[in-house]
Amino acid sequence: MDDQVCRQFFHQPEQTLHRRYEALRAVFIDRLSLNQAADRFGYRPGALKSLVSRFRAQCRSGDPPPFFSAKNEDALRGNSTARTRTVRNSQ
């Protein structure tokens, strides 16, 4: 199975918050240098350095930034009811 399009979703994110998330993840989890992560995700090194600095400060204060839209955030908090359908087994 060719998952190139799926891999591209993570390596070349198009939405701003997703791109920011992947760049920060590359720095903190994948241990890429600022220059490598900036190049991979289309940031100037100075701009990514600023994002990293703000992210660290927000995490230290217990208020990391959201990486999802407000609509999705409300759903994650339980402000909307998820509906599931029960399917009976026909055995």
PDB file of N, CA and C in Angstrom:
ATOM      1  N   MET A   1       0.844  -1.178   0.000  1.00  0.00           N
ATOM      2  CA  MET A   1       0.000   0.000   0.000  1.00  0.00           C
ATOM      3  C   MET A   1       0.891   1.243   0.000  1.00  0.00           C
ATOM      4  N   ASP A   2       0.575   2.179  -0.855  1.00  0.00           N
ATOM      5  CA  ASP A   2       1.354   3.405  -0.954  1.00  0.00           C
ATOM      6  C   ASP A   2       0.780   4.464  -0.019  1.00  0.00           C
ATOM      7  N   ASP A   3       1.492   4.763   1.037  1.00  0.00           N
ATOM      8  CA  ASP A   3       1.059   5.754   2.027  1.00  0.00           C
ATOM      9  C   ASP A   3       1.761   7.097   1.856  1.00  0.00           C
ATOM     10  N   GLN A   4       2.260   7.375   0.671  1.00  0.00           N
ATOM     11  CA  GLN A   4       2.994   8.613   0.436  1.00  0.00           C
ATOM     12  C   GLN A   4       2.171   9.843   0.806  1.00  0.00           C
ATOM     13  N   VAL A   5       0.900   9.864   0.445  1.00  0.00           N
ATOM     14  CA  VAL A   5       0.044  11.016   0.747  1.00  0.00           C
ATOM     15  C   VAL A   5      -0.117  11.167   2.255  1.00  0.00           C
ATOM     16  N   CYS A   6      -0.227  10.056   2.961  1.00  0.00           N
ATOM     17  CA  CYS A   6      -0.363  10.111   4.427  1.00  0.00           C
ATOM     18  C   CYS A   6       0.920  10.622   5.068  1.00  0.00           C
ATOM     19  N   ARG A   7       2.064  10.148   4.604  1.00  0.00           N
ATOM     20  CA  ARG A   7       3.340  10.637   5.138  1.00  0.00           C
ATOM     21  C   ARG A   7       3.513  12.123   4.845  1.00  0.00           C
ATOM     22  N   GLN A   8       3.089  12.532   3.671  1.00  0.00           N
ATOM     23  CA  GLN A   8       3.200  13.937   3.276  1.00  0.00           C
ATOM     24  C   GLN A   8       2.389  14.835   4.217  1.00  0.00           C
ATOM     25  N   PHE A   9       1.261  14.340   4.715  1.00  0.00           N
ATOM     26  CA  PHE A   9       0.434  15.096   5.658  1.00  0.00           C
ATOM     27  C   PHE A   9       1.259  15.527   6.869  1.00  0.00           C
ATOM     28  N   PHE A  10       2.127  14.645   7.367  1.00  0.00           N
ATOM     29  CA  PHE A  10       2.950  14.953   8.537  1.00  0.00           C
ATOM     30  C   PHE A  10       4.226  15.716   8.189  1.00  0.00           C
ATOM     31  N   HIS A  11       4.828  15.385   7.055  1.00  0.00           N
ATOM     32  CA  HIS A  11       6.087  16.029   6.688  1.00  0.00           C
ATOM     33  C   HIS A  11       5.905  17.400   6.055  1.00  0.00           C
ATOM     34  N   GLN A  12       4.744  17.654   5.460  1.00  0.00           N
ATOM     35  CA  GLN A  12       4.495  18.935   4.803  1.00  0.00           C
ATOM     36  C   GLN A  12       3.113  19.457   5.197  1.00  0.00           C
ATOM     37  N   PRO A  13       2.919  19.755   6.481  1.00  0.00           N
ATOM     38  CA  PRO A  13       1.604  20.237   6.926  1.00  0.00           C
ATOM     39  C   PRO A  13       1.261  21.573   6.289  1.00  0.00           C
ATOM     40  N   GLU A  14      -0.008  21.727   5.948  1.00  0.00           N
ATOM     41  CA  GLU A  14      -0.448  22.953   5.282  1.00  0.00           C
ATOM     42  C   GLU A  14      -1.120  23.928   6.236  1.00  0.00           C
ATOM     43  N   GLN A  15      -1.785  23.437   7.260  1.00  0.00           N
ATOM     44  CA  GLN A  15      -2.466  24.321   8.207  1.00  0.00           C
ATOM     45  C   GLN A  15      -1.453  24.893   9.195  1.00  0.00           C
ATOM     46  N   THR A  16      -1.631  26.150   9.556  1.00  0.00           N
ATOM     47  CA  THR A  16      -0.679  26.863  10.400  1.00  0.00           C
ATOM     48  C   THR A  16      -0.421  26.165  11.731  1.00  0.00           C
ATOM     49  N   LEU A  17      -1.488  25.810  12.458  1.00  0.00           N
ATOM     50  CA  LEU A  17      -1.297  25.172  13.768  1.00  0.00           C
ATOM     51  C   LEU A  17      -0.648  23.808  13.641  1.00  0.00           C
ATOM     52  N   HIS A  18      -1.002  23.084  12.592  1.00  0.00           N
ATOM     53  CA  HIS A  18      -0.395  21.769  12.378  1.00  0.00           C
ATOM     54  C   HIS A  18       1.095  21.914  12.061  1.00  0.00           C
ATOM     55  N   ARG A  19       1.423  22.890  11.224  1.00  0.00           N
ATOM     56  CA  ARG A  19       2.829  23.126  10.882  1.00  0.00           C
ATOM     57  C   ARG A  19       3.631  23.524  12.119  1.00  0.00           C
ATOM     58  N   ARG A  20       3.037  24.377  12.965  1.00  0.00           N
ATOM     59  CA  ARG A  20       3.704  24.792  14.205  1.00  0.00           C
ATOM     60  C   ARG A  20       3.930  23.587  15.121  1.00  0.00           C
ATOM     61  N   TYR A  21       2.899  22.759  15.260  1.00  0.00           N
ATOM     62  CA  TYR A  21       2.996  21.558  16.095  1.00  0.00           C
ATOM     63  C   TYR A  21       4.128  20.651  15.601  1.00  0.00           C
ATOM     64  N   GLU A  22       4.143  20.377  14.306  1.00  0.00           N
ATOM     65  CA  GLU A  22       5.157  19.470  13.764  1.00  0.00           C
ATOM     66  C   GLU A  22       6.561  20.048  13.904  1.00  0.00           C
ATOM     67  N   ALA A  23       6.710  21.359  13.744  1.00  0.00           N
ATOM     68  CA  ALA A  23       8.028  21.981  13.899  1.00  0.00           C
ATOM     69  C   ALA A  23       8.505  21.883  15.346  1.00  0.00           C
ATOM     70  N   LEU A  24       7.621  22.178  16.300  1.00  0.00           N
ATOM     71  CA  LEU A  24       7.992  22.063  17.717  1.00  0.00           C
ATOM     72  C   LEU A  24       8.270  20.618  18.092  1.00  0.00           C
ATOM     73  N   ARG A  25       7.467  19.721  17.578  1.00  0.00           N
ATOM     74  CA  ARG A  25       7.677  18.290  17.846  1.00  0.00           C
ATOM     75  C   ARG A  25       9.040  17.848  17.304  1.00  0.00           C
ATOM     76  N   ALA A  26       9.397  18.327  16.130  1.00  0.00           N
ATOM     77  CA  ALA A  26      10.688  17.975  15.537  1.00  0.00           C
ATOM     78  C   ALA A  26      11.842  18.443  16.415  1.00  0.00           C
ATOM     79  N   VAL A  27      11.695  19.609  17.028  1.00  0.00           N
ATOM     80  CA  VAL A  27      12.748  20.145  17.897  1.00  0.00           C
ATOM     81  C   VAL A  27      12.817  19.375  19.213  1.00  0.00           C
ATOM     82  N   PHE A  28      11.665  19.179  19.862  1.00  0.00           N
ATOM     83  CA  PHE A  28      11.668  18.588  21.206  1.00  0.00           C
ATOM     84  C   PHE A  28      11.684  17.055  21.219  1.00  0.00           C
ATOM     85  N   ILE A  29      11.055  16.423  20.264  1.00  0.00           N
ATOM     86  CA  ILE A  29      10.966  14.961  20.270  1.00  0.00           C
ATOM     87  C   ILE A  29      11.995  14.325  19.342  1.00  0.00           C
ATOM     88  N   ASP A  30      12.064  14.835  18.106  1.00  0.00           N
ATOM     89  CA  ASP A  30      13.007  14.263  17.141  1.00  0.00           C
ATOM     90  C   ASP A  30      14.414  14.823  17.300  1.00  0.00           C
ATOM     91  N   ARG A  31      14.546  15.838  18.151  1.00  0.00           N
ATOM     92  CA  ARG A  31      15.838  16.455  18.478  1.00  0.00           C
ATOM     93  C   ARG A  31      16.539  17.060  17.268  1.00  0.00           C
ATOM     94  N   LEU A  32      15.758  17.588  16.315  1.00  0.00           N
ATOM     95  CA  LEU A  32      16.346  18.299  15.186  1.00  0.00           C
ATOM     96  C   LEU A  32      16.853  19.648  15.680  1.00  0.00           C
ATOM     97  N   SER A  33      17.871  20.137  15.026  1.00  0.00           N
ATOM     98  CA  SER A  33      18.354  21.485  15.357  1.00  0.00           C
ATOM     99  C   SER A  33      17.310  22.494  14.892  1.00  0.00           C
ATOM    100  N   LEU A  34      17.399  23.706  15.431  1.00  0.00           N
ATOM    101  CA  LEU A  34      16.478  24.753  14.991  1.00  0.00           C
ATOM    102  C   LEU A  34      16.582  24.976  13.485  1.00  0.00           C
ATOM    103  N   ASN A  35      17.780  24.962  12.970  1.00  0.00           N
ATOM    104  CA  ASN A  35      17.972  25.178  11.533  1.00  0.00           C
ATOM    105  C   ASN A  35      17.344  24.059  10.710  1.00  0.00           C
ATOM    106  N   GLN A  36      17.511  22.817  11.144  1.00  0.00           N
ATOM    107  CA  GLN A  36      16.932  21.687  10.415  1.00  0.00           C
ATOM    108  C   GLN A  36      15.405  21.740  10.431  1.00  0.00           C
ATOM    109  N   ALA A  37      14.833  21.975  11.611  1.00  0.00           N
ATOM    110  CA  ALA A  37      13.375  22.026  11.733  1.00  0.00           C
ATOM    111  C   ALA A  37      12.813  23.223  10.971  1.00  0.00           C
ATOM    112  N   ALA A  38      13.487  24.356  11.057  1.00  0.00           N
ATOM    113  CA  ALA A  38      13.030  25.549  10.341  1.00  0.00           C
ATOM    114  C   ALA A  38      13.018  25.288   8.836  1.00  0.00           C
ATOM    115  N   ASP A  39      14.065  24.676   8.350  1.00  0.00           N
ATOM    116  CA  ASP A  39      14.155  24.369   6.921  1.00  0.00           C
ATOM    117  C   ASP A  39      13.062  23.378   6.508  1.00  0.00           C
ATOM    118  N   ARG A  40      12.837  22.366   7.307  1.00  0.00           N
ATOM    119  CA  ARG A  40      11.854  21.331   6.972  1.00  0.00           C
ATOM    120  C   ARG A  40      10.433  21.887   6.930  1.00  0.00           C
ATOM    121  N   PHE A  41      10.114  22.810   7.835  1.00  0.00           N
ATOM    122  CA  PHE A  41       8.729  23.271   7.961  1.00  0.00           C
ATOM    123  C   PHE A  41       8.514  24.709   7.484  1.00  0.00           C
ATOM    124  N   GLY A  42       9.508  25.278   6.811  1.00  0.00           N
ATOM    125  CA  GLY A  42       9.327  26.569   6.166  1.00  0.00           C
ATOM    126  C   GLY A  42       9.369  27.779   7.091  1.00  0.00           C
ATOM    127  N   TYR A  43      10.111  27.687   8.182  1.00  0.00           N
ATOM    128  CA  TYR A  43      10.278  28.825   9.090  1.00  0.00           C
ATOM    129  C   TYR A  43      11.657  29.421   8.894  1.00  0.00           C
ATOM    130  N   ARG A  44      11.798  30.683   9.235  1.00  0.00           N
ATOM    131  CA  ARG A  44      13.140  31.265   9.374  1.00  0.00           C
ATOM    132  C   ARG A  44      13.664  30.776  10.722  1.00  0.00           C
ATOM    133  N   PRO A  45      14.951  30.480  10.850  1.00  0.00           N
ATOM    134  CA  PRO A  45      15.480  29.993  12.127  1.00  0.00           C
ATOM    135  C   PRO A  45      15.145  30.901  13.307  1.00  0.00           C
ATOM    136  N   GLY A  46      15.214  32.219  13.105  1.00  0.00           N
ATOM    137  CA  GLY A  46      14.893  33.159  14.187  1.00  0.00           C
ATOM    138  C   GLY A  46      13.436  33.084  14.606  1.00  0.00           C
ATOM    139  N   ALA A  47      12.552  32.880  13.638  1.00  0.00           N
ATOM    140  CA  ALA A  47      11.124  32.776  13.947  1.00  0.00           C
ATOM    141  C   ALA A  47      10.845  31.494  14.727  1.00  0.00           C
ATOM    142  N   LEU A  48      11.489  30.399  14.331  1.00  0.00           N
ATOM    143  CA  LEU A  48      11.285  29.141  15.056  1.00  0.00           C
ATOM    144  C   LEU A  48      11.886  29.224  16.453  1.00  0.00           C
ATOM    145  N   LYS A  49      13.020  29.889  16.575  1.00  0.00           N
ATOM    146  CA  LYS A  49      13.630  30.076  17.896  1.00  0.00           C
ATOM    147  C   LYS A  49      12.665  30.812  18.818  1.00  0.00           C
ATOM    148  N   SER A  50      11.975  31.814  18.292  1.00  0.00           N
ATOM    149  CA  SER A  50      10.986  32.556  19.067  1.00  0.00           C
ATOM    150  C   SER A  50       9.806  31.658  19.457  1.00  0.00           C
ATOM    151  N   LEU A  51       9.329  30.833  18.519  1.00  0.00           N
ATOM    152  CA  LEU A  51       8.242  29.892  18.829  1.00  0.00           C
ATOM    153  C   LEU A  51       8.649  28.917  19.922  1.00  0.00           C
ATOM    154  N   VAL A  52       9.870  28.403  19.836  1.00  0.00           N
ATOM    155  CA  VAL A  52      10.380  27.463  20.829  1.00  0.00           C
ATOM    156  C   VAL A  52      10.444  28.132  22.203  1.00  0.00           C
ATOM    157  N   SER A  53      10.941  29.353  22.231  1.00  0.00           N
ATOM    158  CA  SER A  53      11.046  30.088  23.491  1.00  0.00           C
ATOM    159  C   SER A  53       9.676  30.320  24.127  1.00  0.00           C
ATOM    160  N   ARG A  54       8.711  30.765  23.308  1.00  0.00           N
ATOM    161  CA  ARG A  54       7.350  30.986  23.828  1.00  0.00           C
ATOM    162  C   ARG A  54       6.709  29.682  24.283  1.00  0.00           C
ATOM    163  N   PHE A  55       6.933  28.612  23.534  1.00  0.00           N
ATOM    164  CA  PHE A  55       6.381  27.311  23.899  1.00  0.00           C
ATOM    165  C   PHE A  55       6.932  26.851  25.245  1.00  0.00           C
ATOM    166  N   ARG A  56       8.230  26.992  25.441  1.00  0.00           N
ATOM    167  CA  ARG A  56       8.841  26.625  26.730  1.00  0.00           C
ATOM    168  C   ARG A  56       8.223  27.427  27.871  1.00  0.00           C
ATOM    169  N   ALA A  57       8.088  28.736  27.673  1.00  0.00           N
ATOM    170  CA  ALA A  57       7.513  29.593  28.720  1.00  0.00           C
ATOM    171  C   ALA A  57       6.067  29.199  29.016  1.00  0.00           C
ATOM    172  N   GLN A  58       5.290  28.906  27.979  1.00  0.00           N
ATOM    173  CA  GLN A  58       3.894  28.515  28.185  1.00  0.00           C
ATOM    174  C   GLN A  58       3.806  27.172  28.906  1.00  0.00           C
ATOM    175  N   CYS A  59       4.667  26.244  28.566  1.00  0.00           N
ATOM    176  CA  CYS A  59       4.669  24.940  29.249  1.00  0.00           C
ATOM    177  C   CYS A  59       5.062  25.095  30.713  1.00  0.00           C
ATOM    178  N   ARG A  60       6.070  25.913  30.984  1.00  0.00           N
ATOM    179  CA  ARG A  60       6.496  26.140  32.371  1.00  0.00           C
ATOM    180  C   ARG A  60       5.393  26.778  33.210  1.00  0.00           C
ATOM    181  N   SER A  61       4.576  27.623  32.592  1.00  0.00           N
ATOM    182  CA  SER A  61       3.497  28.273  33.335  1.00  0.00           C
ATOM    183  C   SER A  61       2.239  27.407  33.394  1.00  0.00           C
ATOM    184  N   GLY A  62       2.317  26.208  32.806  1.00  0.00           N
ATOM    185  CA  GLY A  62       1.180  25.297  32.839  1.00  0.00           C
ATOM    186  C   GLY A  62       0.094  25.640  31.843  1.00  0.00           C
ATOM    187  N   ASP A  63       0.445  26.413  30.832  1.00  0.00           N
ATOM    188  CA  ASP A  63      -0.544  26.841  29.854  1.00  0.00           C
ATOM    189  C   ASP A  63      -0.020  26.655  28.431  1.00  0.00           C
ATOM    190  N   PRO A  64       0.226  25.395  28.013  1.00  0.00           N
ATOM    191  CA  PRO A  64       0.719  25.191  26.648  1.00  0.00           C
ATOM    192  C   PRO A  64      -0.334  25.619  25.629  1.00  0.00           C
ATOM    193  N   PRO A  65       0.102  26.074  24.461  1.00  0.00           N
ATOM    194  CA  PRO A  65      -0.847  26.572  23.464  1.00  0.00           C
ATOM    195  C   PRO A  65      -1.674  25.441  22.870  1.00  0.00           C
ATOM    196  N   PRO A  66      -2.882  25.759  22.439  1.00  0.00           N
ATOM    197  CA  PRO A  66      -3.688  24.734  21.765  1.00  0.00           C
ATOM    198  C   PRO A  66      -3.175  24.521  20.343  1.00  0.00           C
ATOM    199  N   PHE A  67      -3.241  23.303  19.891  1.00  0.00           N
ATOM    200  CA  PHE A  67      -2.857  23.004  18.514  1.00  0.00           C
ATOM    201  C   PHE A  67      -4.056  22.553  17.704  1.00  0.00           C
ATOM    202  N   PHE A  68      -5.245  22.754  18.266  1.00  0.00           N
ATOM    203  CA  PHE A  68      -6.474  22.388  17.590  1.00  0.00           C
ATOM    204  C   PHE A  68      -7.352  23.620  17.505  1.00  0.00           C
ATOM    205  N   SER A  69      -8.322  23.592  16.640  1.00  0.00           N
ATOM    206  CA  SER A  69      -9.244  24.724  16.547  1.00  0.00           C
ATOM    207  C   SER A  69     -10.142  24.755  17.772  1.00  0.00           C
ATOM    208  N   ALA A  70     -10.748  25.891  18.046  1.00  0.00           N
ATOM    209  CA  ALA A  70     -11.637  26.031  19.197  1.00  0.00           C
ATOM    210  C   ALA A  70     -12.790  25.044  19.099  1.00  0.00           C
ATOM    211  N   LYS A  71     -13.268  24.794  17.901  1.00  0.00           N
ATOM    212  CA  LYS A  71     -14.358  23.839  17.694  1.00  0.00           C
ATOM    213  C   LYS A  71     -13.940  22.447  18.166  1.00  0.00           C
ATOM    214  N   ASN A  72     -12.768  21.996  17.767  1.00  0.00           N
ATOM    215  CA  ASN A  72     -12.277  20.690  18.187  1.00  0.00           C
ATOM    216  C   ASN A  72     -11.972  20.663  19.678  1.00  0.00           C
ATOM    217  N   GLU A  73     -11.474  21.771  20.206  1.00  0.00           N
ATOM    218  CA  GLU A  73     -11.160  21.864  21.621  1.00  0.00           C
ATOM    219  C   GLU A  73     -12.426  21.678  22.467  1.00  0.00           C
ATOM    220  N   ASP A  74     -13.524  22.301  22.051  1.00  0.00           N
ATOM    221  CA  ASP A  74     -14.790  22.137  22.765  1.00  0.00           C
ATOM    222  C   ASP A  74     -15.218  20.682  22.761  1.00  0.00           C
ATOM    223  N   ALA A  75     -15.058  20.014  21.653  1.00  0.00           N
ATOM    224  CA  ALA A  75     -15.436  18.607  21.561  1.00  0.00           C
ATOM    225  C   ALA A  75     -14.573  17.755  22.490  1.00  0.00           C
ATOM    226  N   LEU A  76     -13.275  18.082  22.573  1.00  0.00           N
ATOM    227  CA  LEU A  76     -12.388  17.321  23.441  1.00  0.00           C
ATOM    228  C   LEU A  76     -12.714  17.540  24.915  1.00  0.00           C
ATOM    229  N   ARG A  77     -13.234  18.710  25.249  1.00  0.00           N
ATOM    230  CA  ARG A  77     -13.589  19.008  26.635  1.00  0.00           C
ATOM    231  C   ARG A  77     -14.922  18.385  27.025  1.00  0.00           C
ATOM    232  N   GLY A  78     -15.644  17.851  26.059  1.00  0.00           N
ATOM    233  CA  GLY A  78     -16.915  17.229  26.377  1.00  0.00           C
ATOM    234  C   GLY A  78     -18.099  18.159  26.233  1.00  0.00           C
ATOM    235  N   ASN A  79     -17.925  19.304  25.596  1.00  0.00           N
ATOM    236  CA  ASN A  79     -19.033  20.227  25.407  1.00  0.00           C
ATOM    237  C   ASN A  79     -19.984  19.778  24.313  1.00  0.00           C
ATOM    238  N   SER A  80     -19.597  18.779  23.564  1.00  0.00           N
ATOM    239  CA  SER A  80     -20.507  18.215  22.583  1.00  0.00           C
ATOM    240  C   SER A  80     -20.603  16.720  22.849  1.00  0.00           C
ATOM    241  N   THR A  81     -21.743  16.173  22.603  1.00  0.00           N
ATOM    242  CA  THR A  81     -21.966  14.767  22.900  1.00  0.00           C
ATOM    243  C   THR A  81     -21.633  13.931  21.679  1.00  0.00           C
ATOM    244  N   ALA A  82     -20.758  12.981  21.894  1.00  0.00           N
ATOM    245  CA  ALA A  82     -20.429  12.062  20.810  1.00  0.00           C
ATOM    246  C   ALA A  82     -21.498  10.985  20.756  1.00  0.00           C
ATOM    247  N   ARG A  83     -21.949  10.704  19.563  1.00  0.00           N
ATOM    248  CA  ARG A  83     -22.987   9.684  19.406  1.00  0.00           C
ATOM    249  C   ARG A  83     -22.361   8.434  18.826  1.00  0.00           C
ATOM    250  N   THR A  84     -22.711   7.320  19.422  1.00  0.00           N
ATOM    251  CA  THR A  84     -22.252   6.051  18.892  1.00  0.00           C
ATOM    252  C   THR A  84     -23.458   5.184  18.619  1.00  0.00           C
ATOM    253  N   ARG A  85     -23.292   4.281  17.716  1.00  0.00           N
ATOM    254  CA  ARG A  85     -24.384   3.398  17.353  1.00  0.00           C
ATOM    255  C   ARG A  85     -24.007   1.979  17.748  1.00  0.00           C
ATOM    256  N   THR A  86     -24.884   1.306  18.422  1.00  0.00           N
ATOM    257  CA  THR A  86     -24.640  -0.071  18.822  1.00  0.00           C
ATOM    258  C   THR A  86     -25.065  -0.999  17.697  1.00  0.00           C
ATOM    259  N   VAL A  87     -24.185  -1.886  17.321  1.00  0.00           N
ATOM    260  CA  VAL A  87     -24.501  -2.856  16.275  1.00  0.00           C
ATOM    261  C   VAL A  87     -24.540  -4.228  16.918  1.00  0.00           C
ATOM    262  N   ARG A  88     -25.653  -4.911  16.748  1.00  0.00           N
ATOM    263  CA  ARG A  88     -25.781  -6.242  17.330  1.00  0.00           C
ATOM    264  C   ARG A  88     -25.089  -7.271  16.456  1.00  0.00           C
ATOM    265  N   ASN A  89     -24.487  -8.211  17.112  1.00  0.00           N
ATOM    266  CA  ASN A  89     -23.843  -9.313  16.414  1.00  0.00           C
ATOM    267  C   ASN A  89     -24.925 -10.285  15.989  1.00  0.00           C
ATOM    268  N   SER A  90     -24.932 -10.721  14.755  1.00  0.00           N
ATOM    269  CA  SER A  90     -26.014 -11.590  14.248  1.00  0.00           C
ATOM    270  C   SER A  90     -25.687 -13.072  14.351  1.00  0.00           C
ATOM    271  N   GLN A  91     -25.081 -13.483  15.425  1.00  0.00           N
ATOM    272  CA  GLN A  91     -24.757 -14.908  15.599  1.00  0.00           C
ATOM    273  C   GLN A  91     -25.840 -15.637  16.315  1.00  0.00           C
TER     274      GLN A  91
END
